[in-house]
Amino acid sequence: MRGGTFSTRFVDPYLRLHRLVYERTDGRIGKHSMRVPALLLTTTGRRTGEPRTVGLTYCLDRGDVVVVASNGGSDRHPAWYHNIAADPRVTVRLGRRVVGGTARVATPEERAALWPAVNRSSRGFAPVVHRGVRGRYDVYQRHTDRELPVVIIRLDRPGE
């Protein structure tokens, strides 16, 4: 097991606060997290059937939302990833806009094509602090032996 506890100790409290502010302000505050585009993803709990919401950074690709199931570089997939495997229907909050969608794991070819964009969109200070990385997800990938899945969310479009 290579996954560290940095995320649990420092990042998780920030992410909970970010999600709370994003929800309570109806998306007026929170659409960026440390200058990175952020969304709220609501899945259906695979065990409880209850809605579960998490804040994630993202990028857009031809109208689809792209996120990474990084779990901060943990050796385990995040709970939301398991939830979409059980039920791919999701709700996404992008600022004040809330829209339904369908999530799926990118194929290996799609992942290879999307990784640079999603990694670049969430770069932060990672290239400055960590030699040889392009973004935060490269750093997280270094911390675990599992391949970090890229997830594509096809947003519902009116009339389809």
N, C-alpha and C. Protein backbone atom coordinates (compact mmCIF):
# COMPACT_ATOMS: atom_id res chain seq x y z
N MET A 1 0.83 -1.19 0.00
CA MET A 1 0.00 0.00 0.00
C MET A 1 0.87 1.25 0.00
N ARG A 2 0.70 2.05 -1.03
CA ARG A 2 1.51 3.26 -1.13
C ARG A 2 0.71 4.51 -0.83
N GLY A 3 -0.62 4.43 -0.87
CA GLY A 3 -1.46 5.61 -0.67
C GLY A 3 -1.24 6.25 0.67
N GLY A 4 -1.07 7.56 0.69
CA GLY A 4 -0.77 8.27 1.93
C GLY A 4 -2.01 8.74 2.66
N THR A 5 -1.79 9.39 3.81
CA THR A 5 -2.88 9.91 4.61
C THR A 5 -3.01 11.41 4.49
N PHE A 6 -2.21 12.04 3.63
CA PHE A 6 -2.26 13.49 3.46
C PHE A 6 -3.68 13.94 3.16
N SER A 7 -4.33 13.25 2.22
CA SER A 7 -5.68 13.63 1.82
C SER A 7 -6.63 13.57 3.00
N THR A 8 -6.57 12.51 3.76
CA THR A 8 -7.49 12.34 4.88
C THR A 8 -7.27 13.42 5.92
N ARG A 9 -6.05 13.71 6.23
CA ARG A 9 -5.75 14.63 7.32
C ARG A 9 -5.97 16.10 6.96
N PHE A 10 -5.61 16.49 5.75
CA PHE A 10 -5.63 17.90 5.41
C PHE A 10 -6.66 18.29 4.35
N VAL A 11 -6.78 17.48 3.34
CA VAL A 11 -7.63 17.85 2.21
C VAL A 11 -9.10 17.56 2.49
N ASP A 12 -9.40 16.45 3.10
CA ASP A 12 -10.81 16.08 3.33
C ASP A 12 -11.60 17.16 4.08
N PRO A 13 -11.08 17.75 5.18
CA PRO A 13 -11.85 18.82 5.83
C PRO A 13 -12.10 20.01 4.91
N TYR A 14 -11.11 20.37 4.10
CA TYR A 14 -11.30 21.46 3.14
C TYR A 14 -12.39 21.11 2.13
N LEU A 15 -12.36 19.87 1.62
CA LEU A 15 -13.35 19.46 0.63
C LEU A 15 -14.76 19.46 1.21
N ARG A 16 -14.90 19.05 2.45
CA ARG A 16 -16.23 19.08 3.10
C ARG A 16 -16.73 20.52 3.23
N LEU A 17 -15.84 21.43 3.64
CA LEU A 17 -16.22 22.83 3.77
C LEU A 17 -16.57 23.41 2.40
N HIS A 18 -15.77 23.10 1.39
CA HIS A 18 -16.04 23.59 0.04
C HIS A 18 -17.41 23.14 -0.43
N ARG A 19 -17.71 21.86 -0.25
CA ARG A 19 -19.01 21.33 -0.67
C ARG A 19 -20.15 22.03 0.06
N LEU A 20 -19.99 22.24 1.36
CA LEU A 20 -21.03 22.89 2.16
C LEU A 20 -21.28 24.31 1.65
N VAL A 21 -20.22 25.07 1.40
CA VAL A 21 -20.38 26.45 0.90
C VAL A 21 -21.02 26.43 -0.48
N TYR A 22 -20.58 25.54 -1.34
CA TYR A 22 -21.12 25.42 -2.70
C TYR A 22 -22.62 25.15 -2.64
N GLU A 23 -23.03 24.22 -1.79
CA GLU A 23 -24.45 23.86 -1.67
C GLU A 23 -25.25 25.00 -1.06
N ARG A 24 -24.77 25.57 0.04
CA ARG A 24 -25.52 26.58 0.78
C ARG A 24 -25.67 27.89 0.02
N THR A 25 -24.76 28.17 -0.91
CA THR A 25 -24.86 29.41 -1.69
C THR A 25 -25.52 29.17 -3.04
N ASP A 26 -26.08 27.98 -3.22
CA ASP A 26 -26.76 27.63 -4.47
C ASP A 26 -25.83 27.82 -5.67
N GLY A 27 -24.54 27.51 -5.47
CA GLY A 27 -23.58 27.59 -6.56
C GLY A 27 -23.00 28.95 -6.82
N ARG A 28 -23.41 29.95 -6.04
CA ARG A 28 -22.85 31.29 -6.24
C ARG A 28 -21.38 31.34 -5.85
N ILE A 29 -21.03 30.58 -4.81
CA ILE A 29 -19.64 30.47 -4.36
C ILE A 29 -19.27 28.99 -4.41
N GLY A 30 -18.09 28.71 -4.96
CA GLY A 30 -17.62 27.33 -4.95
C GLY A 30 -17.36 26.74 -6.32
N LYS A 31 -17.72 27.47 -7.39
CA LYS A 31 -17.51 26.87 -8.71
C LYS A 31 -16.04 26.79 -9.09
N HIS A 32 -15.19 27.31 -8.21
CA HIS A 32 -13.74 27.11 -8.33
C HIS A 32 -13.23 26.71 -6.95
N SER A 33 -12.26 25.82 -6.95
CA SER A 33 -11.62 25.39 -5.72
C SER A 33 -10.13 25.65 -5.90
N MET A 34 -9.61 26.61 -5.17
CA MET A 34 -8.21 27.01 -5.33
C MET A 34 -7.90 27.33 -6.79
N ARG A 35 -8.78 28.12 -7.41
CA ARG A 35 -8.66 28.59 -8.80
C ARG A 35 -8.80 27.49 -9.85
N VAL A 36 -9.33 26.35 -9.48
CA VAL A 36 -9.54 25.24 -10.40
C VAL A 36 -11.05 25.03 -10.53
N PRO A 37 -11.58 24.83 -11.75
CA PRO A 37 -13.02 24.59 -11.90
C PRO A 37 -13.48 23.41 -11.04
N ALA A 38 -14.57 23.62 -10.32
CA ALA A 38 -15.08 22.58 -9.43
C ALA A 38 -16.58 22.39 -9.64
N LEU A 39 -17.02 21.18 -9.41
CA LEU A 39 -18.44 20.84 -9.52
C LEU A 39 -18.84 20.05 -8.30
N LEU A 40 -20.15 19.86 -8.15
CA LEU A 40 -20.66 18.94 -7.16
C LEU A 40 -21.30 17.79 -7.91
N LEU A 41 -20.87 16.58 -7.58
CA LEU A 41 -21.39 15.37 -8.19
C LEU A 41 -22.25 14.64 -7.17
N THR A 42 -23.50 14.38 -7.54
CA THR A 42 -24.39 13.62 -6.67
C THR A 42 -24.66 12.27 -7.31
N THR A 43 -24.34 11.23 -6.57
CA THR A 43 -24.58 9.85 -7.00
C THR A 43 -25.60 9.23 -6.05
N THR A 44 -26.05 8.03 -6.38
CA THR A 44 -26.93 7.27 -5.48
C THR A 44 -26.07 6.24 -4.77
N GLY A 45 -26.10 6.27 -3.44
CA GLY A 45 -25.32 5.32 -2.66
C GLY A 45 -25.67 3.89 -3.03
N ARG A 46 -24.68 3.09 -3.34
CA ARG A 46 -24.94 1.71 -3.80
C ARG A 46 -25.51 0.84 -2.70
N ARG A 47 -25.26 1.15 -1.46
CA ARG A 47 -25.79 0.35 -0.35
C ARG A 47 -27.05 0.97 0.25
N THR A 48 -27.06 2.29 0.35
CA THR A 48 -28.16 2.96 1.04
C THR A 48 -29.27 3.42 0.12
N GLY A 49 -28.94 3.67 -1.15
CA GLY A 49 -29.92 4.24 -2.07
C GLY A 49 -30.13 5.73 -1.83
N GLU A 50 -29.36 6.31 -0.92
CA GLU A 50 -29.47 7.74 -0.59
C GLU A 50 -28.55 8.56 -1.49
N PRO A 51 -28.91 9.82 -1.74
CA PRO A 51 -28.03 10.69 -2.53
C PRO A 51 -26.73 10.98 -1.77
N ARG A 52 -25.63 10.95 -2.50
CA ARG A 52 -24.30 11.24 -1.94
C ARG A 52 -23.64 12.28 -2.82
N THR A 53 -23.19 13.39 -2.21
CA THR A 53 -22.62 14.50 -2.97
C THR A 53 -21.17 14.71 -2.59
N VAL A 54 -20.36 14.94 -3.61
CA VAL A 54 -18.92 15.18 -3.43
C VAL A 54 -18.49 16.28 -4.38
N GLY A 55 -17.54 17.09 -3.93
CA GLY A 55 -16.96 18.12 -4.78
C GLY A 55 -15.75 17.57 -5.52
N LEU A 56 -15.66 17.88 -6.80
CA LEU A 56 -14.56 17.40 -7.64
C LEU A 56 -14.10 18.50 -8.58
N THR A 57 -12.84 18.46 -8.96
CA THR A 57 -12.39 19.33 -10.04
C THR A 57 -12.67 18.61 -11.35
N TYR A 58 -12.73 19.36 -12.43
CA TYR A 58 -13.13 18.77 -13.72
C TYR A 58 -12.58 19.57 -14.87
N CYS A 59 -12.74 19.00 -16.05
CA CYS A 59 -12.55 19.74 -17.28
C CYS A 59 -13.69 19.33 -18.22
N LEU A 60 -13.86 20.07 -19.27
CA LEU A 60 -14.89 19.77 -20.26
C LEU A 60 -14.24 19.23 -21.52
N ASP A 61 -14.91 18.28 -22.14
CA ASP A 61 -14.44 17.74 -23.42
C ASP A 61 -15.66 17.56 -24.32
N ARG A 62 -15.76 18.41 -25.31
CA ARG A 62 -16.87 18.36 -26.27
C ARG A 62 -18.24 18.29 -25.60
N GLY A 63 -18.41 19.07 -24.54
CA GLY A 63 -19.69 19.13 -23.84
C GLY A 63 -19.84 18.11 -22.72
N ASP A 64 -18.94 17.14 -22.63
CA ASP A 64 -18.97 16.17 -21.54
C ASP A 64 -18.09 16.67 -20.40
N VAL A 65 -18.43 16.27 -19.19
CA VAL A 65 -17.64 16.59 -18.01
C VAL A 65 -16.68 15.44 -17.76
N VAL A 66 -15.43 15.77 -17.47
CA VAL A 66 -14.41 14.75 -17.24
C VAL A 66 -13.84 14.94 -15.84
N VAL A 67 -13.86 13.87 -15.03
CA VAL A 67 -13.33 13.89 -13.68
C VAL A 67 -12.40 12.69 -13.49
N VAL A 68 -11.62 12.73 -12.43
CA VAL A 68 -10.70 11.64 -12.13
C VAL A 68 -11.05 11.06 -10.76
N ALA A 69 -11.14 9.74 -10.69
CA ALA A 69 -11.43 9.05 -9.43
C ALA A 69 -10.12 8.85 -8.67
N SER A 70 -9.53 9.95 -8.22
CA SER A 70 -8.19 9.91 -7.63
C SER A 70 -8.19 9.52 -6.17
N ASN A 71 -9.20 9.95 -5.43
CA ASN A 71 -9.26 9.72 -3.99
C ASN A 71 -7.96 10.18 -3.33
N GLY A 72 -7.41 11.27 -3.84
CA GLY A 72 -6.19 11.84 -3.27
C GLY A 72 -4.97 10.95 -3.36
N GLY A 73 -4.98 10.01 -4.29
CA GLY A 73 -3.85 9.10 -4.43
C GLY A 73 -3.94 7.89 -3.52
N SER A 74 -5.10 7.68 -2.93
CA SER A 74 -5.31 6.52 -2.06
C SER A 74 -5.25 5.23 -2.87
N ASP A 75 -5.01 4.13 -2.20
CA ASP A 75 -5.00 2.83 -2.86
C ASP A 75 -6.41 2.31 -3.16
N ARG A 76 -7.42 3.03 -2.68
CA ARG A 76 -8.81 2.62 -2.92
C ARG A 76 -9.52 3.66 -3.79
N HIS A 77 -10.43 3.16 -4.62
CA HIS A 77 -11.27 4.07 -5.40
C HIS A 77 -12.18 4.84 -4.44
N PRO A 78 -12.56 6.06 -4.80
CA PRO A 78 -13.51 6.81 -3.96
C PRO A 78 -14.89 6.16 -3.99
N ALA A 79 -15.67 6.39 -2.96
CA ALA A 79 -17.02 5.80 -2.87
C ALA A 79 -17.87 6.18 -4.07
N TRP A 80 -17.75 7.43 -4.54
CA TRP A 80 -18.59 7.85 -5.66
C TRP A 80 -18.32 7.01 -6.90
N TYR A 81 -17.10 6.54 -7.08
CA TYR A 81 -16.75 5.71 -8.22
C TYR A 81 -17.52 4.38 -8.16
N HIS A 82 -17.57 3.78 -6.98
CA HIS A 82 -18.34 2.54 -6.81
C HIS A 82 -19.83 2.80 -7.00
N ASN A 83 -20.28 3.97 -6.57
CA ASN A 83 -21.71 4.31 -6.74
C ASN A 83 -22.09 4.40 -8.21
N ILE A 84 -21.23 5.01 -9.04
CA ILE A 84 -21.59 5.12 -10.46
C ILE A 84 -21.50 3.76 -11.16
N ALA A 85 -20.67 2.87 -10.63
CA ALA A 85 -20.62 1.52 -11.21
C ALA A 85 -21.96 0.81 -10.97
N ALA A 86 -22.58 1.08 -9.83
CA ALA A 86 -23.86 0.46 -9.50
C ALA A 86 -25.03 1.18 -10.18
N ASP A 87 -24.93 2.51 -10.32
CA ASP A 87 -25.99 3.31 -10.94
C ASP A 87 -25.34 4.52 -11.61
N PRO A 88 -25.22 4.52 -12.92
CA PRO A 88 -24.50 5.59 -13.62
C PRO A 88 -25.25 6.92 -13.70
N ARG A 89 -26.52 6.97 -13.32
CA ARG A 89 -27.26 8.24 -13.35
C ARG A 89 -26.77 9.14 -12.23
N VAL A 90 -26.40 10.36 -12.58
CA VAL A 90 -25.85 11.32 -11.63
C VAL A 90 -26.50 12.68 -11.82
N THR A 91 -26.26 13.55 -10.86
CA THR A 91 -26.62 14.96 -10.98
C THR A 91 -25.34 15.75 -10.79
N VAL A 92 -25.16 16.77 -11.62
CA VAL A 92 -23.96 17.60 -11.56
C VAL A 92 -24.37 19.04 -11.35
N ARG A 93 -23.73 19.70 -10.38
CA ARG A 93 -23.90 21.14 -10.20
C ARG A 93 -22.65 21.81 -10.74
N LEU A 94 -22.84 22.67 -11.74
CA LEU A 94 -21.78 23.48 -12.32
C LEU A 94 -22.15 24.93 -12.04
N GLY A 95 -21.63 25.48 -10.96
CA GLY A 95 -22.05 26.81 -10.54
C GLY A 95 -23.51 26.76 -10.12
N ARG A 96 -24.34 27.62 -10.70
CA ARG A 96 -25.76 27.65 -10.36
C ARG A 96 -26.58 26.67 -11.18
N ARG A 97 -25.97 26.08 -12.20
CA ARG A 97 -26.66 25.14 -13.10
C ARG A 97 -26.59 23.72 -12.53
N VAL A 98 -27.74 23.07 -12.45
CA VAL A 98 -27.83 21.68 -12.00
C VAL A 98 -28.43 20.86 -13.14
N VAL A 99 -27.73 19.79 -13.52
CA VAL A 99 -28.17 19.00 -14.67
C VAL A 99 -27.92 17.52 -14.40
N GLY A 100 -28.79 16.68 -14.92
CA GLY A 100 -28.59 15.24 -14.83
C GLY A 100 -27.58 14.78 -15.85
N GLY A 101 -27.11 13.56 -15.65
CA GLY A 101 -26.15 13.01 -16.60
C GLY A 101 -25.95 11.53 -16.37
N THR A 102 -25.15 10.95 -17.23
CA THR A 102 -24.81 9.54 -17.13
C THR A 102 -23.29 9.43 -17.12
N ALA A 103 -22.76 8.71 -16.12
CA ALA A 103 -21.32 8.58 -15.96
C ALA A 103 -20.84 7.22 -16.44
N ARG A 104 -19.64 7.22 -16.98
CA ARG A 104 -19.01 5.96 -17.39
C ARG A 104 -17.50 6.12 -17.31
N VAL A 105 -16.83 5.00 -17.11
CA VAL A 105 -15.37 5.01 -17.06
C VAL A 105 -14.84 5.09 -18.49
N ALA A 106 -13.87 5.94 -18.69
CA ALA A 106 -13.26 6.09 -20.01
C ALA A 106 -12.55 4.80 -20.41
N THR A 107 -12.60 4.49 -21.69
CA THR A 107 -11.83 3.36 -22.21
C THR A 107 -10.34 3.69 -22.09
N PRO A 108 -9.46 2.71 -22.20
CA PRO A 108 -8.03 3.03 -22.14
C PRO A 108 -7.60 4.08 -23.17
N GLU A 109 -8.17 4.01 -24.36
CA GLU A 109 -7.82 5.00 -25.39
C GLU A 109 -8.32 6.39 -25.01
N GLU A 110 -9.56 6.45 -24.51
CA GLU A 110 -10.11 7.74 -24.09
C GLU A 110 -9.30 8.30 -22.91
N ARG A 111 -8.95 7.44 -21.97
CA ARG A 111 -8.18 7.89 -20.81
C ARG A 111 -6.85 8.51 -21.27
N ALA A 112 -6.17 7.83 -22.17
CA ALA A 112 -4.90 8.34 -22.68
C ALA A 112 -5.07 9.71 -23.34
N ALA A 113 -6.16 9.89 -24.06
CA ALA A 113 -6.41 11.16 -24.73
C ALA A 113 -6.84 12.26 -23.76
N LEU A 114 -7.61 11.90 -22.72
CA LEU A 114 -8.16 12.89 -21.79
C LEU A 114 -7.24 13.23 -20.63
N TRP A 115 -6.35 12.32 -20.26
CA TRP A 115 -5.49 12.52 -19.09
C TRP A 115 -4.74 13.86 -19.14
N PRO A 116 -4.10 14.22 -20.24
CA PRO A 116 -3.37 15.50 -20.24
C PRO A 116 -4.27 16.70 -19.96
N ALA A 117 -5.47 16.72 -20.52
CA ALA A 117 -6.37 17.86 -20.33
C ALA A 117 -6.89 17.94 -18.90
N VAL A 118 -7.33 16.83 -18.36
CA VAL A 118 -7.88 16.86 -17.00
C VAL A 118 -6.77 17.11 -15.98
N ASN A 119 -5.59 16.60 -16.25
CA ASN A 119 -4.45 16.83 -15.38
C ASN A 119 -4.02 18.30 -15.42
N ARG A 120 -3.98 18.86 -16.62
CA ARG A 120 -3.60 20.26 -16.80
C ARG A 120 -4.62 21.19 -16.13
N SER A 121 -5.90 20.83 -16.19
CA SER A 121 -6.93 21.70 -15.62
C SER A 121 -6.85 21.74 -14.10
N SER A 122 -6.16 20.79 -13.51
CA SER A 122 -6.04 20.72 -12.06
C SER A 122 -4.58 20.76 -11.63
N ARG A 123 -3.80 21.57 -12.29
CA ARG A 123 -2.36 21.53 -12.04
C ARG A 123 -1.95 22.19 -10.74
N GLY A 124 -2.53 23.32 -10.36
CA GLY A 124 -2.13 23.99 -9.13
C GLY A 124 -0.63 24.23 -9.11
N PHE A 125 -0.01 23.99 -7.96
CA PHE A 125 1.43 24.16 -7.80
C PHE A 125 2.20 22.87 -8.02
N ALA A 126 1.50 21.80 -8.43
CA ALA A 126 2.16 20.50 -8.57
C ALA A 126 3.42 20.55 -9.43
N PRO A 127 3.42 21.21 -10.60
CA PRO A 127 4.64 21.23 -11.42
C PRO A 127 5.81 21.96 -10.75
N VAL A 128 5.50 22.88 -9.85
CA VAL A 128 6.54 23.63 -9.15
C VAL A 128 7.14 22.80 -8.03
N VAL A 129 6.29 22.08 -7.33
CA VAL A 129 6.70 21.34 -6.14
C VAL A 129 7.22 19.94 -6.46
N HIS A 130 6.70 19.32 -7.50
CA HIS A 130 7.05 17.93 -7.83
C HIS A 130 7.70 17.88 -9.21
N ARG A 131 8.92 17.44 -9.23
CA ARG A 131 9.69 17.35 -10.47
C ARG A 131 9.04 16.37 -11.45
N GLY A 132 8.92 16.80 -12.71
CA GLY A 132 8.48 15.91 -13.78
C GLY A 132 6.99 15.67 -13.88
N VAL A 133 6.16 16.46 -13.18
CA VAL A 133 4.72 16.27 -13.29
C VAL A 133 4.11 17.44 -14.05
N ARG A 134 2.95 17.18 -14.63
CA ARG A 134 2.22 18.23 -15.35
C ARG A 134 1.06 18.77 -14.54
N GLY A 135 0.60 17.99 -13.55
CA GLY A 135 -0.53 18.40 -12.74
C GLY A 135 -0.69 17.53 -11.51
N ARG A 136 -1.69 17.88 -10.74
CA ARG A 136 -1.95 17.21 -9.46
C ARG A 136 -2.21 15.73 -9.62
N TYR A 137 -2.90 15.32 -10.69
CA TYR A 137 -3.22 13.90 -10.84
C TYR A 137 -1.97 13.06 -11.11
N ASP A 138 -0.96 13.64 -11.75
CA ASP A 138 0.31 12.93 -11.90
C ASP A 138 0.89 12.62 -10.52
N VAL A 139 0.80 13.58 -9.61
CA VAL A 139 1.30 13.39 -8.25
C VAL A 139 0.51 12.29 -7.56
N TYR A 140 -0.81 12.34 -7.65
CA TYR A 140 -1.64 11.31 -7.02
C TYR A 140 -1.33 9.93 -7.60
N GLN A 141 -1.11 9.87 -8.93
CA GLN A 141 -0.82 8.59 -9.56
C GLN A 141 0.48 8.00 -9.01
N ARG A 142 1.43 8.85 -8.68
CA ARG A 142 2.69 8.38 -8.10
C ARG A 142 2.49 7.71 -6.73
N HIS A 143 1.43 8.09 -6.04
CA HIS A 143 1.21 7.61 -4.68
C HIS A 143 0.48 6.28 -4.59
N THR A 144 0.05 5.74 -5.71
CA THR A 144 -0.72 4.50 -5.67
C THR A 144 -0.34 3.59 -6.83
N ASP A 145 -0.55 2.31 -6.63
CA ASP A 145 -0.30 1.35 -7.70
C ASP A 145 -1.51 1.18 -8.61
N ARG A 146 -2.69 1.62 -8.17
CA ARG A 146 -3.87 1.49 -9.02
C ARG A 146 -3.85 2.59 -10.08
N GLU A 147 -4.38 2.29 -11.25
CA GLU A 147 -4.51 3.32 -12.27
C GLU A 147 -5.70 4.20 -11.92
N LEU A 148 -5.47 5.49 -11.86
CA LEU A 148 -6.57 6.41 -11.52
C LEU A 148 -7.54 6.48 -12.69
N PRO A 149 -8.79 6.07 -12.47
CA PRO A 149 -9.76 6.08 -13.56
C PRO A 149 -10.19 7.50 -13.95
N VAL A 150 -10.36 7.69 -15.23
CA VAL A 150 -10.96 8.91 -15.76
C VAL A 150 -12.42 8.57 -16.03
N VAL A 151 -13.31 9.44 -15.57
CA VAL A 151 -14.75 9.22 -15.72
C VAL A 151 -15.33 10.32 -16.58
N ILE A 152 -16.13 9.91 -17.55
CA ILE A 152 -16.79 10.84 -18.47
C ILE A 152 -18.26 10.91 -18.09
N ILE A 153 -18.75 12.12 -17.90
CA ILE A 153 -20.16 12.32 -17.57
C ILE A 153 -20.81 13.02 -18.76
N ARG A 154 -21.70 12.30 -19.39
CA ARG A 154 -22.48 12.86 -20.50
C ARG A 154 -23.69 13.56 -19.90
N LEU A 155 -23.72 14.87 -20.01
CA LEU A 155 -24.82 15.64 -19.45
C LEU A 155 -26.06 15.49 -20.30
N ASP A 156 -27.21 15.46 -19.63
CA ASP A 156 -28.48 15.42 -20.35
C ASP A 156 -28.62 16.70 -21.16
N ARG A 157 -29.06 16.53 -22.37
CA ARG A 157 -29.27 17.69 -23.24
C ARG A 157 -30.76 17.76 -23.59
N PRO A 158 -31.30 18.95 -23.50
CA PRO A 158 -32.73 19.08 -23.83
C PRO A 158 -33.03 18.54 -25.21
N GLY A 159 -34.07 17.76 -25.32
CA GLY A 159 -34.50 17.24 -26.62
C GLY A 159 -33.91 15.91 -26.99
N GLU A 160 -33.00 15.39 -26.16
CA GLU A 160 -32.40 14.08 -26.49
C GLU A 160 -33.10 12.98 -25.74
